[in-house]
Amino acid sequence: MENQNNMQVYKQLHRISLLIGALTILLPIVFWSKIPNEIPMHYNAAGVVDNWSDKSSLILLFFAVLMLMGVMSIAVYVVKTNMESKHSKEAEKSTMRIAYPIVVIMNLVVQVMFAYITFCSVTSRQLGSMFLPIFLIATFAPLGYLVYKCAKTQGANSSQKAVYKRIEEAEVGEAKIYRTAIDWWLGLLLGACEVLFLYLVIEPIIRSGTVKWSMVLIAVGMSIMILPLFGIKYVMYSEHLLISMSLYGKARVRYADIVEVKKTNNPLSSAAMSLRRIQIDYTENDVHRMVLISPVKRKTFIEEIEQKRSKS
């Protein structure tokens, strides 16, 4: 009953997101005559207007909001459908139950962001220096939480973990390590975020010789969330596979428990930095689970996993 109530809450949040998106487009159209002919069209990292334009440029913003509403609605629909489908495996449903509220919340955050930008544009206001940091935190925090929860649901019980750790200590230096493959666009995006954080810290120092400690703390916090993603690795021990995500935790899969290993491009958030992924279906405590990874040399990795499965 509690899960059903939670689902209803998230469904309402999704409807609210769509309403905010619709009002972001409709209200400026209704009050078009009251909007100044010249409005802010671009803001810098400090939330200050650095480019002005004719109010007709709002049409581009409306199209962006409309496209965003469509894309996010499709994402919410796909996750919800897979979560409720009778054809989905229990492991997939479990992961989707975690992903669904995160996608809904991210959709709400982005719609609120666009609504605020539109409001500031039509009223010729500044965004404010805290807009960008707040938006970045509100966007990336749910992603970090999703990765953490997915890792946690993959964890074994404490007694089994003790067995795993003894094996790992005994096989230090012998296990084969695969690093995560990194898609260029994802590496570029996250790298650009890091450069942006660095700029937001350094720019005030160069301009006025002052340190904005709030920005320093935000930059450090976001770096702690982003940088560990580049260190994801998969370690093949004699009896199990260790999926290490640094700050976000670890997951372990016994070769004997693996049901199926296959290539996939499933984009669901996971311990992977590339869409060229491997899906591992396995059982744990009689529950069917799934994990997505993206090792370099995907073909070789699958061959080695299959060899270890046949020996277990």
C-alpha atoms as a PDB file:
ATOM      1  CA  MET A   1       0.000   0.000   0.000  1.00  0.00           C
ATOM      2  CA  GLU A   2       2.854   2.385   0.874  1.00  0.00           C
ATOM      3  CA  ASN A   3       4.521   1.737  -2.494  1.00  0.00           C
ATOM      4  CA  GLN A   4       1.231   2.443  -4.271  1.00  0.00           C
ATOM      5  CA  ASN A   5       0.854   5.709  -2.365  1.00  0.00           C
ATOM      6  CA  ASN A   6       4.407   6.687  -3.278  1.00  0.00           C
ATOM      7  CA  MET A   7       3.694   5.913  -6.932  1.00  0.00           C
ATOM      8  CA  GLN A   8       0.676   8.190  -6.821  1.00  0.00           C
ATOM      9  CA  VAL A   9       2.824  10.968  -5.380  1.00  0.00           C
ATOM     10  CA  TYR A  10       5.372  10.637  -8.188  1.00  0.00           C
ATOM     11  CA  LYS A  11       2.634  10.516 -10.808  1.00  0.00           C
ATOM     12  CA  GLN A  12       1.292  13.786  -9.409  1.00  0.00           C
ATOM     13  CA  LEU A  13       4.804  15.280  -9.470  1.00  0.00           C
ATOM     14  CA  HIS A  14       5.113  14.314 -13.137  1.00  0.00           C
ATOM     15  CA  ARG A  15       1.785  16.022 -13.872  1.00  0.00           C
ATOM     16  CA  ILE A  16       2.976  19.110 -11.997  1.00  0.00           C
ATOM     17  CA  SER A  17       6.151  19.118 -14.123  1.00  0.00           C
ATOM     18  CA  LEU A  18       4.067  19.037 -17.305  1.00  0.00           C
ATOM     19  CA  LEU A  19       1.852  21.825 -15.951  1.00  0.00           C
ATOM     20  CA  ILE A  20       4.890  23.994 -15.158  1.00  0.00           C
ATOM     21  CA  GLY A  21       6.245  23.376 -18.674  1.00  0.00           C
ATOM     22  CA  ALA A  22       2.901  24.247 -20.259  1.00  0.00           C
ATOM     23  CA  LEU A  23       2.552  27.456 -18.198  1.00  0.00           C
ATOM     24  CA  THR A  24       6.144  28.417 -19.076  1.00  0.00           C
ATOM     25  CA  ILE A  25       5.007  28.559 -22.698  1.00  0.00           C
ATOM     26  CA  LEU A  26       1.409  29.736 -22.365  1.00  0.00           C
ATOM     27  CA  LEU A  27       1.740  32.589 -19.847  1.00  0.00           C
ATOM     28  CA  PRO A  28       4.286  34.616 -21.877  1.00  0.00           C
ATOM     29  CA  ILE A  29       2.079  34.165 -24.954  1.00  0.00           C
ATOM     30  CA  VAL A  30      -1.015  35.381 -23.070  1.00  0.00           C
ATOM     31  CA  PHE A  31       0.845  38.438 -21.709  1.00  0.00           C
ATOM     32  CA  TRP A  32       2.955  38.967 -24.842  1.00  0.00           C
ATOM     33  CA  SER A  33       2.001  42.630 -25.184  1.00  0.00           C
ATOM     34  CA  LYS A  34       3.281  43.383 -21.676  1.00  0.00           C
ATOM     35  CA  ILE A  35       6.733  41.874 -22.289  1.00  0.00           C
ATOM     36  CA  PRO A  36       9.452  44.499 -23.070  1.00  0.00           C
ATOM     37  CA  ASN A  37      10.647  44.524 -26.679  1.00  0.00           C
ATOM     38  CA  GLU A  38      14.236  43.942 -25.517  1.00  0.00           C
ATOM     39  CA  ILE A  39      14.838  41.166 -22.996  1.00  0.00           C
ATOM     40  CA  PRO A  40      17.821  39.214 -21.578  1.00  0.00           C
ATOM     41  CA  MET A  41      18.738  36.357 -23.901  1.00  0.00           C
ATOM     42  CA  HIS A  42      21.841  34.957 -22.215  1.00  0.00           C
ATOM     43  CA  TYR A  43      23.317  34.890 -18.722  1.00  0.00           C
ATOM     44  CA  ASN A  44      26.906  34.235 -17.670  1.00  0.00           C
ATOM     45  CA  ALA A  45      28.037  31.770 -14.984  1.00  0.00           C
ATOM     46  CA  ALA A  46      27.370  34.368 -12.277  1.00  0.00           C
ATOM     47  CA  GLY A  47      23.744  34.725 -13.380  1.00  0.00           C
ATOM     48  CA  VAL A  48      24.284  38.196 -14.836  1.00  0.00           C
ATOM     49  CA  VAL A  49      22.823  39.218 -18.207  1.00  0.00           C
ATOM     50  CA  ASP A  50      25.542  39.390 -20.867  1.00  0.00           C
ATOM     51  CA  ASN A  51      23.395  39.464 -24.015  1.00  0.00           C
ATOM     52  CA  TRP A  52      20.093  41.133 -24.919  1.00  0.00           C
ATOM     53  CA  SER A  53      17.734  40.336 -27.749  1.00  0.00           C
ATOM     54  CA  ASP A  54      14.296  40.976 -29.211  1.00  0.00           C
ATOM     55  CA  LYS A  55      11.442  39.277 -27.342  1.00  0.00           C
ATOM     56  CA  SER A  56      10.697  37.145 -30.402  1.00  0.00           C
ATOM     57  CA  SER A  57      13.742  35.079 -29.380  1.00  0.00           C
ATOM     58  CA  LEU A  58      11.524  33.614 -26.647  1.00  0.00           C
ATOM     59  CA  ILE A  59      10.033  31.380 -29.330  1.00  0.00           C
ATOM     60  CA  LEU A  60      13.272  29.375 -29.365  1.00  0.00           C
ATOM     61  CA  LEU A  61      13.010  28.958 -25.601  1.00  0.00           C
ATOM     62  CA  PHE A  62       9.418  27.756 -25.982  1.00  0.00           C
ATOM     63  CA  PHE A  63      10.522  25.108 -28.476  1.00  0.00           C
ATOM     64  CA  ALA A  64      13.277  24.000 -26.082  1.00  0.00           C
ATOM     65  CA  VAL A  65      10.771  23.642 -23.228  1.00  0.00           C
ATOM     66  CA  LEU A  66       8.335  21.762 -25.487  1.00  0.00           C
ATOM     67  CA  MET A  67      11.048  19.388 -26.660  1.00  0.00           C
ATOM     68  CA  LEU A  68      12.201  18.844 -23.078  1.00  0.00           C
ATOM     69  CA  MET A  69       8.640  18.021 -22.006  1.00  0.00           C
ATOM     70  CA  GLY A  70       8.418  15.429 -24.765  1.00  0.00           C
ATOM     71  CA  VAL A  71      11.803  13.815 -24.104  1.00  0.00           C
ATOM     72  CA  MET A  72      11.322  13.628 -20.333  1.00  0.00           C
ATOM     73  CA  SER A  73       7.762  12.306 -20.741  1.00  0.00           C
ATOM     74  CA  ILE A  74       9.087   9.525 -22.967  1.00  0.00           C
ATOM     75  CA  ALA A  75      11.788   8.714 -20.392  1.00  0.00           C
ATOM     76  CA  VAL A  76       9.228   8.587 -17.560  1.00  0.00           C
ATOM     77  CA  TYR A  77       6.908   6.427 -19.690  1.00  0.00           C
ATOM     78  CA  VAL A  78       9.651   3.952 -20.636  1.00  0.00           C
ATOM     79  CA  VAL A  79      10.828   3.535 -17.033  1.00  0.00           C
ATOM     80  CA  LYS A  80       7.261   3.228 -15.710  1.00  0.00           C
ATOM     81  CA  THR A  81       6.266   0.717 -18.421  1.00  0.00           C
ATOM     82  CA  ASN A  82       9.298  -1.498 -17.762  1.00  0.00           C
ATOM     83  CA  MET A  83       8.625  -1.294 -14.028  1.00  0.00           C
ATOM     84  CA  GLU A  84       5.015  -2.458 -14.401  1.00  0.00           C
ATOM     85  CA  SER A  85       5.391  -4.851 -17.334  1.00  0.00           C
ATOM     86  CA  LYS A  86       4.755  -8.528 -16.618  1.00  0.00           C
ATOM     87  CA  HIS A  87       7.462  -9.361 -19.158  1.00  0.00           C
ATOM     88  CA  SER A  88      10.219  -7.561 -17.241  1.00  0.00           C
ATOM     89  CA  LYS A  89      12.508  -9.565 -15.017  1.00  0.00           C
ATOM     90  CA  GLU A  90      12.319  -8.950 -11.290  1.00  0.00           C
ATOM     91  CA  ALA A  91      15.818  -7.465 -11.300  1.00  0.00           C
ATOM     92  CA  GLU A  92      14.808  -4.978 -13.970  1.00  0.00           C
ATOM     93  CA  LYS A  93      11.636  -4.065 -12.068  1.00  0.00           C
ATOM     94  CA  SER A  94      13.632  -3.540  -8.886  1.00  0.00           C
ATOM     95  CA  THR A  95      16.031  -1.186 -10.657  1.00  0.00           C
ATOM     96  CA  MET A  96      13.192   0.654 -12.377  1.00  0.00           C
ATOM     97  CA  ARG A  97      11.452   1.203  -9.023  1.00  0.00           C
ATOM     98  CA  ILE A  98      14.569   3.083  -7.952  1.00  0.00           C
ATOM     99  CA  ALA A  99      14.947   4.928 -11.263  1.00  0.00           C
ATOM    100  CA  TYR A 100      11.326   6.062 -11.629  1.00  0.00           C
ATOM    101  CA  PRO A 101      11.214   8.634  -8.787  1.00  0.00           C
ATOM    102  CA  ILE A 102      14.680   9.910  -9.727  1.00  0.00           C
ATOM    103  CA  VAL A 103      13.621  10.556 -13.344  1.00  0.00           C
ATOM    104  CA  VAL A 104      10.418  12.259 -12.152  1.00  0.00           C
ATOM    105  CA  ILE A 105      12.321  14.508  -9.731  1.00  0.00           C
ATOM    106  CA  MET A 106      14.944  15.423 -12.352  1.00  0.00           C
ATOM    107  CA  ASN A 107      12.143  16.309 -14.766  1.00  0.00           C
ATOM    108  CA  LEU A 108      10.587  18.582 -12.129  1.00  0.00           C
ATOM    109  CA  VAL A 109      13.940  20.262 -11.401  1.00  0.00           C
ATOM    110  CA  VAL A 110      14.632  20.979 -15.083  1.00  0.00           C
ATOM    111  CA  GLN A 111      11.110  22.296 -15.712  1.00  0.00           C
ATOM    112  CA  VAL A 112      11.383  24.627 -12.714  1.00  0.00           C
ATOM    113  CA  MET A 113      14.763  25.799 -14.013  1.00  0.00           C
ATOM    114  CA  PHE A 114      13.363  26.691 -17.444  1.00  0.00           C
ATOM    115  CA  ALA A 115      10.332  28.368 -15.844  1.00  0.00           C
ATOM    116  CA  TYR A 116      12.642  30.510 -13.699  1.00  0.00           C
ATOM    117  CA  ILE A 117      14.848  31.435 -16.684  1.00  0.00           C
ATOM    118  CA  THR A 118      11.756  32.413 -18.678  1.00  0.00           C
ATOM    119  CA  PHE A 119      10.408  34.484 -15.774  1.00  0.00           C
ATOM    120  CA  CYS A 120      13.719  36.329 -15.409  1.00  0.00           C
ATOM    121  CA  SER A 121      13.873  36.947 -19.162  1.00  0.00           C
ATOM    122  CA  VAL A 122      10.362  38.392 -19.552  1.00  0.00           C
ATOM    123  CA  THR A 123      10.795  40.580 -16.447  1.00  0.00           C
ATOM    124  CA  SER A 124      14.390  41.627 -17.315  1.00  0.00           C
ATOM    125  CA  ARG A 125      15.847  40.257 -14.070  1.00  0.00           C
ATOM    126  CA  GLN A 126      19.217  38.727 -13.231  1.00  0.00           C
ATOM    127  CA  LEU A 127      19.311  34.974 -12.529  1.00  0.00           C
ATOM    128  CA  GLY A 128      21.428  35.452  -9.422  1.00  0.00           C
ATOM    129  CA  SER A 129      24.825  34.022  -8.549  1.00  0.00           C
ATOM    130  CA  MET A 130      23.391  30.938  -6.798  1.00  0.00           C
ATOM    131  CA  PHE A 131      21.240  29.792  -9.733  1.00  0.00           C
ATOM    132  CA  LEU A 132      23.904  27.715 -11.483  1.00  0.00           C
ATOM    133  CA  PRO A 133      25.287  25.966  -8.355  1.00  0.00           C
ATOM    134  CA  ILE A 134      21.787  25.155  -7.078  1.00  0.00           C
ATOM    135  CA  PHE A 135      20.711  23.819 -10.464  1.00  0.00           C
ATOM    136  CA  LEU A 136      23.829  21.652 -10.867  1.00  0.00           C
ATOM    137  CA  ILE A 137      23.444  20.176  -7.386  1.00  0.00           C
ATOM    138  CA  ALA A 138      19.718  19.568  -7.883  1.00  0.00           C
ATOM    139  CA  THR A 139      20.462  17.838 -11.198  1.00  0.00           C
ATOM    140  CA  PHE A 140      23.437  15.672 -10.264  1.00  0.00           C
ATOM    141  CA  ALA A 141      22.429  14.746  -6.702  1.00  0.00           C
ATOM    142  CA  PRO A 142      19.540  12.502  -7.866  1.00  0.00           C
ATOM    143  CA  LEU A 143      21.913  10.792 -10.323  1.00  0.00           C
ATOM    144  CA  GLY A 144      24.417  10.140  -7.549  1.00  0.00           C
ATOM    145  CA  TYR A 145      21.650   8.815  -5.322  1.00  0.00           C
ATOM    146  CA  LEU A 146      20.449   6.501  -8.113  1.00  0.00           C
ATOM    147  CA  VAL A 147      23.915   5.024  -8.584  1.00  0.00           C
ATOM    148  CA  TYR A 148      24.260   4.592  -4.810  1.00  0.00           C
ATOM    149  CA  LYS A 149      20.882   2.853  -4.468  1.00  0.00           C
ATOM    150  CA  CYS A 150      21.532   0.564  -7.433  1.00  0.00           C
ATOM    151  CA  ALA A 151      24.869  -0.421  -5.917  1.00  0.00           C
ATOM    152  CA  LYS A 152      23.284  -1.004  -2.523  1.00  0.00           C
ATOM    153  CA  THR A 153      20.579  -3.283  -3.918  1.00  0.00           C
ATOM    154  CA  GLN A 154      23.277  -5.386  -5.541  1.00  0.00           C
ATOM    155  CA  GLY A 155      25.134  -5.942  -2.260  1.00  0.00           C
ATOM    156  CA  ALA A 156      25.373  -9.325  -0.598  1.00  0.00           C
ATOM    157  CA  ASN A 157      24.776  -9.990   3.107  1.00  0.00           C
ATOM    158  CA  SER A 158      27.527  -9.384   5.658  1.00  0.00           C
ATOM    159  CA  SER A 159      28.582 -13.035   6.027  1.00  0.00           C
ATOM    160  CA  GLN A 160      28.956 -13.442   2.283  1.00  0.00           C
ATOM    161  CA  LYS A 161      30.872 -10.171   2.118  1.00  0.00           C
ATOM    162  CA  ALA A 162      33.352 -11.541   4.637  1.00  0.00           C
ATOM    163  CA  VAL A 163      33.956 -14.535   2.363  1.00  0.00           C
ATOM    164  CA  TYR A 164      34.438 -12.249  -0.621  1.00  0.00           C
ATOM    165  CA  LYS A 165      36.928 -10.087   1.266  1.00  0.00           C
ATOM    166  CA  ARG A 166      39.018 -13.088   2.323  1.00  0.00           C
ATOM    167  CA  ILE A 167      39.247 -14.179  -1.307  1.00  0.00           C
ATOM    168  CA  GLU A 168      40.177 -10.645  -2.405  1.00  0.00           C
ATOM    169  CA  GLU A 169      42.897 -10.360   0.237  1.00  0.00           C
ATOM    170  CA  ALA A 170      44.329 -13.737  -0.758  1.00  0.00           C
ATOM    171  CA  GLU A 171      44.373 -12.875  -4.462  1.00  0.00           C
ATOM    172  CA  VAL A 172      45.840  -9.373  -4.291  1.00  0.00           C
ATOM    173  CA  GLY A 173      47.912  -8.810  -7.430  1.00  0.00           C
ATOM    174  CA  GLU A 174      46.556 -11.917  -9.146  1.00  0.00           C
ATOM    175  CA  ALA A 175      43.065 -10.785 -10.167  1.00  0.00           C
ATOM    176  CA  LYS A 176      42.560  -9.259 -13.590  1.00  0.00           C
ATOM    177  CA  ILE A 177      41.312  -5.661 -13.635  1.00  0.00           C
ATOM    178  CA  TYR A 178      39.205  -4.067 -16.349  1.00  0.00           C
ATOM    179  CA  ARG A 179      38.635  -0.323 -16.340  1.00  0.00           C
ATOM    180  CA  THR A 180      35.370   1.174 -17.480  1.00  0.00           C
ATOM    181  CA  ALA A 181      35.183   2.357 -21.067  1.00  0.00           C
ATOM    182  CA  ILE A 182      34.266   6.042 -21.285  1.00  0.00           C
ATOM    183  CA  ASP A 183      32.158   7.460 -24.105  1.00  0.00           C
ATOM    184  CA  TRP A 184      33.765  10.623 -25.487  1.00  0.00           C
ATOM    185  CA  TRP A 185      30.603  12.708 -25.134  1.00  0.00           C
ATOM    186  CA  LEU A 186      30.104  11.699 -21.505  1.00  0.00           C
ATOM    187  CA  GLY A 187      33.747  12.320 -20.648  1.00  0.00           C
ATOM    188  CA  LEU A 188      33.510  15.706 -22.402  1.00  0.00           C
ATOM    189  CA  LEU A 189      30.333  16.633 -20.526  1.00  0.00           C
ATOM    190  CA  LEU A 190      31.676  15.719 -17.092  1.00  0.00           C
ATOM    191  CA  GLY A 191      35.051  17.242 -17.899  1.00  0.00           C
ATOM    192  CA  ALA A 192      33.331  20.480 -18.939  1.00  0.00           C
ATOM    193  CA  CYS A 193      31.474  20.509 -15.622  1.00  0.00           C
ATOM    194  CA  GLU A 194      34.761  20.210 -13.754  1.00  0.00           C
ATOM    195  CA  VAL A 195      36.289  23.049 -15.810  1.00  0.00           C
ATOM    196  CA  LEU A 196      33.197  25.159 -15.104  1.00  0.00           C
ATOM    197  CA  PHE A 197      33.482  24.555 -11.347  1.00  0.00           C
ATOM    198  CA  LEU A 198      37.169  25.477 -11.473  1.00  0.00           C
ATOM    199  CA  TYR A 199      36.329  28.656 -13.397  1.00  0.00           C
ATOM    200  CA  LEU A 200      33.655  29.661 -10.873  1.00  0.00           C
ATOM    201  CA  VAL A 201      36.255  29.359  -8.102  1.00  0.00           C
ATOM    202  CA  ILE A 202      39.154  31.055  -9.903  1.00  0.00           C
ATOM    203  CA  GLU A 203      37.278  33.877 -11.704  1.00  0.00           C
ATOM    204  CA  PRO A 204      36.457  35.909  -8.538  1.00  0.00           C
ATOM    205  CA  ILE A 205      40.059  35.531  -7.357  1.00  0.00           C
ATOM    206  CA  ILE A 206      41.421  36.904 -10.646  1.00  0.00           C
ATOM    207  CA  ARG A 207      38.787  39.634 -10.945  1.00  0.00           C
ATOM    208  CA  SER A 208      38.721  40.998  -7.396  1.00  0.00           C
ATOM    209  CA  GLY A 209      41.204  38.973  -5.361  1.00  0.00           C
ATOM    210  CA  THR A 210      38.444  37.475  -3.192  1.00  0.00           C
ATOM    211  CA  VAL A 211      37.622  33.843  -2.532  1.00  0.00           C
ATOM    212  CA  LYS A 212      33.971  32.806  -2.627  1.00  0.00           C
ATOM    213  CA  TRP A 213      34.056  29.986  -0.096  1.00  0.00           C
ATOM    214  CA  SER A 214      30.469  28.952  -0.833  1.00  0.00           C
ATOM    215  CA  MET A 215      31.484  28.354  -4.443  1.00  0.00           C
ATOM    216  CA  VAL A 216      34.603  26.484  -3.325  1.00  0.00           C
ATOM    217  CA  LEU A 217      32.490  24.138  -1.190  1.00  0.00           C
ATOM    218  CA  ILE A 218      30.028  23.570  -4.017  1.00  0.00           C
ATOM    219  CA  ALA A 219      32.851  22.875  -6.483  1.00  0.00           C
ATOM    220  CA  VAL A 220      34.508  20.423  -4.092  1.00  0.00           C
ATOM    221  CA  GLY A 221      31.192  18.689  -3.428  1.00  0.00           C
ATOM    222  CA  MET A 222      30.381  18.287  -7.112  1.00  0.00           C
ATOM    223  CA  SER A 223      33.924  17.080  -7.835  1.00  0.00           C
ATOM    224  CA  ILE A 224      33.549  14.426  -5.154  1.00  0.00           C
ATOM    225  CA  MET A 225      30.431  13.228  -6.990  1.00  0.00           C
ATOM    226  CA  ILE A 226      31.850  13.344 -10.535  1.00  0.00           C
ATOM    227  CA  LEU A 227      35.514  12.290 -10.348  1.00  0.00           C
ATOM    228  CA  PRO A 228      34.938   8.813  -8.807  1.00  0.00           C
ATOM    229  CA  LEU A 229      32.909   7.871 -11.897  1.00  0.00           C
ATOM    230  CA  PHE A 230      36.125   7.870 -13.948  1.00  0.00           C
ATOM    231  CA  GLY A 231      37.609   5.293 -11.554  1.00  0.00           C
ATOM    232  CA  ILE A 232      34.988   2.563 -11.989  1.00  0.00           C
ATOM    233  CA  LYS A 233      36.637  -0.820 -12.427  1.00  0.00           C
ATOM    234  CA  TYR A 234      35.709  -4.500 -12.645  1.00  0.00           C
ATOM    235  CA  VAL A 235      37.983  -7.036 -10.955  1.00  0.00           C
ATOM    236  CA  MET A 236      37.854 -10.754 -11.822  1.00  0.00           C
ATOM    237  CA  TYR A 237      38.673 -12.903  -8.806  1.00  0.00           C
ATOM    238  CA  SER A 238      38.671 -16.690  -8.836  1.00  0.00           C
ATOM    239  CA  GLU A 239      35.074 -17.064  -7.636  1.00  0.00           C
ATOM    240  CA  HIS A 240      33.406 -13.701  -8.167  1.00  0.00           C
ATOM    241  CA  LEU A 241      33.395 -10.430 -10.067  1.00  0.00           C
ATOM    242  CA  LEU A 242      33.944  -7.244  -8.061  1.00  0.00           C
ATOM    243  CA  ILE A 243      32.343  -4.082  -9.438  1.00  0.00           C
ATOM    244  CA  SER A 244      34.064  -1.171  -7.707  1.00  0.00           C
ATOM    245  CA  MET A 245      32.512   2.297  -7.899  1.00  0.00           C
ATOM    246  CA  SER A 246      34.747   4.023  -5.312  1.00  0.00           C
ATOM    247  CA  LEU A 247      32.592   6.512  -3.393  1.00  0.00           C
ATOM    248  CA  TYR A 248      29.388   4.867  -4.640  1.00  0.00           C
ATOM    249  CA  GLY A 249      30.183   1.463  -3.190  1.00  0.00           C
ATOM    250  CA  LYS A 250      30.885  -2.028  -4.475  1.00  0.00           C
ATOM    251  CA  ALA A 251      28.895  -4.917  -5.872  1.00  0.00           C
ATOM    252  CA  ARG A 252      29.956  -8.557  -6.133  1.00  0.00           C
ATOM    253  CA  VAL A 253      28.605 -11.286  -8.381  1.00  0.00           C
ATOM    254  CA  ARG A 254      29.516 -14.973  -8.017  1.00  0.00           C
ATOM    255  CA  TYR A 255      30.225 -16.679 -11.329  1.00  0.00           C
ATOM    256  CA  ALA A 256      28.144 -19.641 -10.171  1.00  0.00           C
ATOM    257  CA  ASP A 257      25.119 -17.349  -9.766  1.00  0.00           C
ATOM    258  CA  ILE A 258      25.283 -15.846 -13.249  1.00  0.00           C
ATOM    259  CA  VAL A 259      22.339 -16.787 -15.450  1.00  0.00           C
ATOM    260  CA  GLU A 260      23.153 -14.825 -18.599  1.00  0.00           C
ATOM    261  CA  VAL A 261      25.772 -12.443 -19.966  1.00  0.00           C
ATOM    262  CA  LYS A 262      24.976 -10.367 -23.046  1.00  0.00           C
ATOM    263  CA  LYS A 263      25.872  -7.161 -24.865  1.00  0.00           C
ATOM    264  CA  THR A 264      23.460  -4.258 -24.483  1.00  0.00           C
ATOM    265  CA  ASN A 265      23.068  -0.512 -24.952  1.00  0.00           C
ATOM    266  CA  ASN A 266      20.628  -0.107 -22.076  1.00  0.00           C
ATOM    267  CA  PRO A 267      21.054   3.552 -20.968  1.00  0.00           C
ATOM    268  CA  LEU A 268      19.856   2.997 -17.396  1.00  0.00           C
ATOM    269  CA  SER A 269      22.160   4.630 -14.853  1.00  0.00           C
ATOM    270  CA  SER A 270      24.637   2.063 -13.592  1.00  0.00           C
ATOM    271  CA  ALA A 271      28.306   1.320 -12.902  1.00  0.00           C
ATOM    272  CA  ALA A 272      29.205   2.218 -16.468  1.00  0.00           C
ATOM    273  CA  MET A 273      30.640   5.214 -18.306  1.00  0.00           C
ATOM    274  CA  SER A 274      29.799   3.977 -21.798  1.00  0.00           C
ATOM    275  CA  LEU A 275      26.665   2.836 -23.619  1.00  0.00           C
ATOM    276  CA  ARG A 276      28.609  -0.151 -25.015  1.00  0.00           C
ATOM    277  CA  ARG A 277      27.603  -2.255 -22.060  1.00  0.00           C
ATOM    278  CA  ILE A 278      27.308  -5.776 -20.749  1.00  0.00           C
ATOM    279  CA  GLN A 279      24.207  -6.941 -18.922  1.00  0.00           C
ATOM    280  CA  ILE A 280      24.798  -9.624 -16.292  1.00  0.00           C
ATOM    281  CA  ASP A 281      21.704 -11.425 -15.021  1.00  0.00           C
ATOM    282  CA  TYR A 282      22.219 -13.465 -11.872  1.00  0.00           C
ATOM    283  CA  THR A 283      20.427 -14.811  -8.833  1.00  0.00           C
ATOM    284  CA  GLU A 284      21.095 -13.809  -5.235  1.00  0.00           C
ATOM    285  CA  ASN A 285      19.174 -15.337  -2.340  1.00  0.00           C
ATOM    286  CA  ASP A 286      16.732 -16.766  -4.910  1.00  0.00           C
ATOM    287  CA  VAL A 287      16.048 -13.267  -6.277  1.00  0.00           C
ATOM    288  CA  HIS A 288      16.786 -12.511  -9.924  1.00  0.00           C
ATOM    289  CA  ARG A 289      19.055  -9.458 -10.240  1.00  0.00           C
ATOM    290  CA  MET A 290      20.774  -7.531 -12.993  1.00  0.00           C
ATOM    291  CA  VAL A 291      23.828  -5.303 -13.261  1.00  0.00           C
ATOM    292  CA  LEU A 292      25.054  -3.193 -16.195  1.00  0.00           C
ATOM    293  CA  ILE A 293      28.784  -2.600 -16.719  1.00  0.00           C
ATOM    294  CA  SER A 294      30.957  -1.182 -19.525  1.00  0.00           C
ATOM    295  CA  PRO A 295      34.456  -2.702 -19.444  1.00  0.00           C
ATOM    296  CA  VAL A 296      37.054  -1.932 -22.068  1.00  0.00           C
ATOM    297  CA  LYS A 297      37.586  -4.861 -24.476  1.00  0.00           C
ATOM    298  CA  ARG A 298      33.967  -5.939 -24.081  1.00  0.00           C
ATOM    299  CA  LYS A 299      34.301  -9.076 -26.217  1.00  0.00           C
ATOM    300  CA  THR A 300      37.352 -10.335 -24.289  1.00  0.00           C
ATOM    301  CA  PHE A 301      35.630  -9.587 -20.978  1.00  0.00           C
ATOM    302  CA  ILE A 302      32.580 -11.666 -21.937  1.00  0.00           C
ATOM    303  CA  GLU A 303      34.774 -14.575 -23.051  1.00  0.00           C
ATOM    304  CA  GLU A 304      36.618 -14.580 -19.721  1.00  0.00           C
ATOM    305  CA  ILE A 305      33.379 -14.388 -17.729  1.00  0.00           C
ATOM    306  CA  GLU A 306      31.965 -17.329 -19.677  1.00  0.00           C
ATOM    307  CA  GLN A 307      35.116 -19.339 -19.002  1.00  0.00           C
ATOM    308  CA  LYS A 308      34.876 -18.698 -15.277  1.00  0.00           C
ATOM    309  CA  ARG A 309      31.157 -19.559 -15.312  1.00  0.00           C
ATOM    310  CA  SER A 310      31.887 -22.926 -16.939  1.00  0.00           C
ATOM    311  CA  LYS A 311      34.470 -23.739 -14.260  1.00  0.00           C
ATOM    312  CA  SER A 312      32.279 -22.714 -11.303  1.00  0.00           C
END
